[in-house]
Amino acid sequence: MLEHFREGDELYVWRLNRLGRSLKNIIDLVLSLSGKGVIIKGLVDGVDTSTINGSTIS
């Protein structure tokens, strides 16, 4: 699935911790996807990498 994301695609997750098994894995994944221009939105925790506040992770 991760290989098929393109710039402008959006990934919705229930909680950000559902993306990986460890904090390092989640951070690496979010940075990688954000670098490709993929928007990540966490429904419960309010994460949204398309906003100025959400993009500060990268």
PDB file of N, CA and C in Angstrom:
ATOM      1  N   MET A   1       0.821  -1.178   0.000  1.00  0.00           N
ATOM      2  CA  MET A   1       0.000   0.000   0.000  1.00  0.00           C
ATOM      3  C   MET A   1       0.876   1.257   0.000  1.00  0.00           C
ATOM      4  N   LEU A   2       1.908   1.263   0.797  1.00  0.00           N
ATOM      5  CA  LEU A   2       2.728   2.461   0.944  1.00  0.00           C
ATOM      6  C   LEU A   2       3.397   2.873  -0.362  1.00  0.00           C
ATOM      7  N   GLU A   3       3.704   1.912  -1.203  1.00  0.00           N
ATOM      8  CA  GLU A   3       4.368   2.207  -2.468  1.00  0.00           C
ATOM      9  C   GLU A   3       3.444   2.864  -3.477  1.00  0.00           C
ATOM     10  N   HIS A   4       2.153   2.792  -3.270  1.00  0.00           N
ATOM     11  CA  HIS A   4       1.183   3.318  -4.238  1.00  0.00           C
ATOM     12  C   HIS A   4       0.750   4.752  -3.949  1.00  0.00           C
ATOM     13  N   PHE A   5       1.182   5.312  -2.830  1.00  0.00           N
ATOM     14  CA  PHE A   5       0.818   6.692  -2.511  1.00  0.00           C
ATOM     15  C   PHE A   5       1.493   7.652  -3.460  1.00  0.00           C
ATOM     16  N   ARG A   6       0.747   8.698  -3.872  1.00  0.00           N
ATOM     17  CA  ARG A   6       1.277   9.755  -4.721  1.00  0.00           C
ATOM     18  C   ARG A   6       1.061  11.088  -4.031  1.00  0.00           C
ATOM     19  N   GLU A   7       1.736  12.099  -4.514  1.00  0.00           N
ATOM     20  CA  GLU A   7       1.582  13.440  -3.958  1.00  0.00           C
ATOM     21  C   GLU A   7       0.112  13.848  -4.006  1.00  0.00           C
ATOM     22  N   GLY A   8      -0.367  14.379  -2.879  1.00  0.00           N
ATOM     23  CA  GLY A   8      -1.753  14.819  -2.786  1.00  0.00           C
ATOM     24  C   GLY A   8      -2.705  13.774  -2.229  1.00  0.00           C
ATOM     25  N   ASP A   9      -2.258  12.509  -2.152  1.00  0.00           N
ATOM     26  CA  ASP A   9      -3.093  11.470  -1.549  1.00  0.00           C
ATOM     27  C   ASP A   9      -3.229  11.740  -0.059  1.00  0.00           C
ATOM     28  N   GLU A  10      -4.303  11.224   0.528  1.00  0.00           N
ATOM     29  CA  GLU A  10      -4.532  11.388   1.961  1.00  0.00           C
ATOM     30  C   GLU A  10      -4.661  10.022   2.619  1.00  0.00           C
ATOM     31  N   LEU A  11      -3.991   9.864   3.747  1.00  0.00           N
ATOM     32  CA  LEU A  11      -4.055   8.645   4.541  1.00  0.00           C
ATOM     33  C   LEU A  11      -4.768   8.977   5.840  1.00  0.00           C
ATOM     34  N   TYR A  12      -5.918   8.336   6.060  1.00  0.00           N
ATOM     35  CA  TYR A  12      -6.676   8.528   7.291  1.00  0.00           C
ATOM     36  C   TYR A  12      -6.437   7.335   8.209  1.00  0.00           C
ATOM     37  N   VAL A  13      -6.099   7.616   9.457  1.00  0.00           N
ATOM     38  CA  VAL A  13      -5.908   6.559  10.455  1.00  0.00           C
ATOM     39  C   VAL A  13      -6.741   6.892  11.687  1.00  0.00           C
ATOM     40  N   TRP A  14      -7.178   5.858  12.368  1.00  0.00           N
ATOM     41  CA  TRP A  14      -7.978   6.064  13.573  1.00  0.00           C
ATOM     42  C   TRP A  14      -7.162   6.838  14.605  1.00  0.00           C
ATOM     43  N   ARG A  15      -5.992   6.336  14.919  1.00  0.00           N
ATOM     44  CA  ARG A  15      -5.016   7.001  15.787  1.00  0.00           C
ATOM     45  C   ARG A  15      -3.654   6.847  15.123  1.00  0.00           C
ATOM     46  N   LEU A  16      -2.803   7.817  15.349  1.00  0.00           N
ATOM     47  CA  LEU A  16      -1.484   7.780  14.734  1.00  0.00           C
ATOM     48  C   LEU A  16      -0.690   6.543  15.155  1.00  0.00           C
ATOM     49  N   ASN A  17      -0.926   6.049  16.364  1.00  0.00           N
ATOM     50  CA  ASN A  17      -0.178   4.880  16.834  1.00  0.00           C
ATOM     51  C   ASN A  17      -0.557   3.601  16.086  1.00  0.00           C
ATOM     52  N   ARG A  18      -1.564   3.648  15.242  1.00  0.00           N
ATOM     53  CA  ARG A  18      -1.961   2.493  14.437  1.00  0.00           C
ATOM     54  C   ARG A  18      -1.088   2.331  13.199  1.00  0.00           C
ATOM     55  N   LEU A  19      -0.217   3.296  12.945  1.00  0.00           N
ATOM     56  CA  LEU A  19       0.636   3.246  11.757  1.00  0.00           C
ATOM     57  C   LEU A  19       1.843   2.343  11.912  1.00  0.00           C
ATOM     58  N   GLY A  20       2.295   2.083  13.130  1.00  0.00           N
ATOM     59  CA  GLY A  20       3.509   1.296  13.304  1.00  0.00           C
ATOM     60  C   GLY A  20       3.585   0.650  14.661  1.00  0.00           C
ATOM     61  N   ARG A  21       4.632  -0.131  14.827  1.00  0.00           N
ATOM     62  CA  ARG A  21       4.814  -0.882  16.072  1.00  0.00           C
ATOM     63  C   ARG A  21       5.617  -0.128  17.116  1.00  0.00           C
ATOM     64  N   SER A  22       6.388   0.860  16.668  1.00  0.00           N
ATOM     65  CA  SER A  22       7.202   1.615  17.616  1.00  0.00           C
ATOM     66  C   SER A  22       7.141   3.093  17.247  1.00  0.00           C
ATOM     67  N   LEU A  23       7.505   3.940  18.185  1.00  0.00           N
ATOM     68  CA  LEU A  23       7.489   5.373  17.936  1.00  0.00           C
ATOM     69  C   LEU A  23       8.438   5.733  16.798  1.00  0.00           C
ATOM     70  N   LYS A  24       9.614   5.122  16.786  1.00  0.00           N
ATOM     71  CA  LYS A  24      10.579   5.392  15.715  1.00  0.00           C
ATOM     72  C   LYS A  24      10.006   4.996  14.358  1.00  0.00           C
ATOM     73  N   ASN A  25       9.355   3.850  14.292  1.00  0.00           N
ATOM     74  CA  ASN A  25       8.750   3.383  13.054  1.00  0.00           C
ATOM     75  C   ASN A  25       7.673   4.340  12.565  1.00  0.00           C
ATOM     76  N   ILE A  26       6.849   4.835  13.478  1.00  0.00           N
ATOM     77  CA  ILE A  26       5.781   5.776  13.125  1.00  0.00           C
ATOM     78  C   ILE A  26       6.368   7.089  12.618  1.00  0.00           C
ATOM     79  N   ILE A  27       7.368   7.609  13.315  1.00  0.00           N
ATOM     80  CA  ILE A  27       7.997   8.864  12.905  1.00  0.00           C
ATOM     81  C   ILE A  27       8.629   8.721  11.530  1.00  0.00           C
ATOM     82  N   ASP A  28       9.361   7.632  11.310  1.00  0.00           N
ATOM     83  CA  ASP A  28       9.992   7.398  10.009  1.00  0.00           C
ATOM     84  C   ASP A  28       8.951   7.315   8.901  1.00  0.00           C
ATOM     85  N   LEU A  29       7.862   6.632   9.158  1.00  0.00           N
ATOM     86  CA  LEU A  29       6.800   6.483   8.167  1.00  0.00           C
ATOM     87  C   LEU A  29       6.139   7.818   7.855  1.00  0.00           C
ATOM     88  N   VAL A  30       5.829   8.586   8.894  1.00  0.00           N
ATOM     89  CA  VAL A  30       5.198   9.899   8.695  1.00  0.00           C
ATOM     90  C   VAL A  30       6.137  10.822   7.915  1.00  0.00           C
ATOM     91  N   LEU A  31       7.397  10.834   8.252  1.00  0.00           N
ATOM     92  CA  LEU A  31       8.361  11.675   7.534  1.00  0.00           C
ATOM     93  C   LEU A  31       8.507  11.243   6.083  1.00  0.00           C
ATOM     94  N   SER A  32       8.545   9.946   5.845  1.00  0.00           N
ATOM     95  CA  SER A  32       8.665   9.427   4.491  1.00  0.00           C
ATOM     96  C   SER A  32       7.448   9.795   3.645  1.00  0.00           C
ATOM     97  N   LEU A  33       6.263   9.569   4.200  1.00  0.00           N
ATOM     98  CA  LEU A  33       5.038   9.881   3.456  1.00  0.00           C
ATOM     99  C   LEU A  33       4.887  11.381   3.250  1.00  0.00           C
ATOM    100  N   SER A  34       5.194  12.163   4.265  1.00  0.00           N
ATOM    101  CA  SER A  34       5.118  13.616   4.133  1.00  0.00           C
ATOM    102  C   SER A  34       6.096  14.113   3.070  1.00  0.00           C
ATOM    103  N   GLY A  35       7.259  13.484   2.998  1.00  0.00           N
ATOM    104  CA  GLY A  35       8.237  13.837   1.986  1.00  0.00           C
ATOM    105  C   GLY A  35       7.746  13.573   0.577  1.00  0.00           C
ATOM    106  N   LYS A  36       6.849  12.599   0.424  1.00  0.00           N
ATOM    107  CA  LYS A  36       6.252  12.296  -0.874  1.00  0.00           C
ATOM    108  C   LYS A  36       5.045  13.181  -1.169  1.00  0.00           C
ATOM    109  N   GLY A  37       4.661  14.019  -0.199  1.00  0.00           N
ATOM    110  CA  GLY A  37       3.506  14.886  -0.389  1.00  0.00           C
ATOM    111  C   GLY A  37       2.187  14.266   0.009  1.00  0.00           C
ATOM    112  N   VAL A  38       2.258  13.170   0.778  1.00  0.00           N
ATOM    113  CA  VAL A  38       1.046  12.497   1.254  1.00  0.00           C
ATOM    114  C   VAL A  38       0.575  13.188   2.531  1.00  0.00           C
ATOM    115  N   ILE A  39      -0.707  13.442   2.624  1.00  0.00           N
ATOM    116  CA  ILE A  39      -1.309  14.073   3.804  1.00  0.00           C
ATOM    117  C   ILE A  39      -1.773  12.970   4.746  1.00  0.00           C
ATOM    118  N   ILE A  40      -1.422  13.087   6.021  1.00  0.00           N
ATOM    119  CA  ILE A  40      -1.803  12.098   7.024  1.00  0.00           C
ATOM    120  C   ILE A  40      -2.738  12.763   8.014  1.00  0.00           C
ATOM    121  N   LYS A  41      -3.870  12.102   8.256  1.00  0.00           N
ATOM    122  CA  LYS A  41      -4.858  12.635   9.190  1.00  0.00           C
ATOM    123  C   LYS A  41      -5.228  11.564  10.207  1.00  0.00           C
ATOM    124  N   GLY A  42      -5.067  11.909  11.492  1.00  0.00           N
ATOM    125  CA  GLY A  42      -5.480  11.034  12.582  1.00  0.00           C
ATOM    126  C   GLY A  42      -6.852  11.474  13.059  1.00  0.00           C
ATOM    127  N   LEU A  43      -7.823  10.607  12.995  1.00  0.00           N
ATOM    128  CA  LEU A  43      -9.202  10.972  13.297  1.00  0.00           C
ATOM    129  C   LEU A  43      -9.423  11.293  14.771  1.00  0.00           C
ATOM    130  N   VAL A  44      -8.817  10.528  15.672  1.00  0.00           N
ATOM    131  CA  VAL A  44      -9.046  10.715  17.101  1.00  0.00           C
ATOM    132  C   VAL A  44      -8.098  11.747  17.697  1.00  0.00           C
ATOM    133  N   ASP A  45      -6.827  11.700  17.308  1.00  0.00           N
ATOM    134  CA  ASP A  45      -5.839  12.563  17.947  1.00  0.00           C
ATOM    135  C   ASP A  45      -5.632  13.898  17.256  1.00  0.00           C
ATOM    136  N   GLY A  46      -6.360  14.166  16.191  1.00  0.00           N
ATOM    137  CA  GLY A  46      -6.320  15.485  15.564  1.00  0.00           C
ATOM    138  C   GLY A  46      -5.087  15.775  14.727  1.00  0.00           C
ATOM    139  N   VAL A  47      -4.326  14.763  14.360  1.00  0.00           N
ATOM    140  CA  VAL A  47      -3.152  14.970  13.520  1.00  0.00           C
ATOM    141  C   VAL A  47      -3.609  15.283  12.103  1.00  0.00           C
ATOM    142  N   ASP A  48      -3.005  16.305  11.505  1.00  0.00           N
ATOM    143  CA  ASP A  48      -3.310  16.674  10.122  1.00  0.00           C
ATOM    144  C   ASP A  48      -2.071  17.337   9.537  1.00  0.00           C
ATOM    145  N   THR A  49      -1.335  16.600   8.711  1.00  0.00           N
ATOM    146  CA  THR A  49      -0.079  17.126   8.183  1.00  0.00           C
ATOM    147  C   THR A  49      -0.285  18.148   7.059  1.00  0.00           C
ATOM    148  N   SER A  50      -1.543  18.420   6.702  1.00  0.00           N
ATOM    149  CA  SER A  50      -1.796  19.432   5.683  1.00  0.00           C
ATOM    150  C   SER A  50      -1.871  20.845   6.287  1.00  0.00           C
ATOM    151  N   THR A  51      -1.928  20.923   7.610  1.00  0.00           N
ATOM    152  CA  THR A  51      -1.991  22.220   8.273  1.00  0.00           C
ATOM    153  C   THR A  51      -0.603  22.662   8.681  1.00  0.00           C
ATOM    154  N   ILE A  52      -0.461  23.935   8.978  1.00  0.00           N
ATOM    155  CA  ILE A  52       0.829  24.487   9.398  1.00  0.00           C
ATOM    156  C   ILE A  52       1.291  23.834  10.702  1.00  0.00           C
ATOM    157  N   ASN A  53       0.386  23.557  11.616  1.00  0.00           N
ATOM    158  CA  ASN A  53       0.748  22.909  12.876  1.00  0.00           C
ATOM    159  C   ASN A  53       1.126  21.451  12.670  1.00  0.00           C
ATOM    160  N   GLY A  54       0.429  20.765  11.781  1.00  0.00           N
ATOM    161  CA  GLY A  54       0.719  19.366  11.524  1.00  0.00           C
ATOM    162  C   GLY A  54       1.984  19.155  10.723  1.00  0.00           C
ATOM    163  N   SER A  55       2.372  20.151   9.959  1.00  0.00           N
ATOM    164  CA  SER A  55       3.558  19.987   9.112  1.00  0.00           C
ATOM    165  C   SER A  55       4.852  20.252   9.874  1.00  0.00           C
ATOM    166  N   THR A  56       4.772  20.658  11.144  1.00  0.00           N
ATOM    167  CA  THR A  56       5.986  20.926  11.913  1.00  0.00           C
ATOM    168  C   THR A  56       6.710  19.649  12.303  1.00  0.00           C
ATOM    169  N   ILE A  57       6.070  18.469  12.094  1.00  0.00           N
ATOM    170  CA  ILE A  57       6.735  17.209  12.404  1.00  0.00           C
ATOM    171  C   ILE A  57       7.901  16.974  11.456  1.00  0.00           C
ATOM    172  N   SER A  58       7.832  17.494  10.256  1.00  0.00           N
ATOM    173  CA  SER A  58       8.913  17.292   9.303  1.00  0.00           C
ATOM    174  C   SER A  58       9.836  18.453   9.404  1.00  0.00           C
TER     175      SER A  58
END
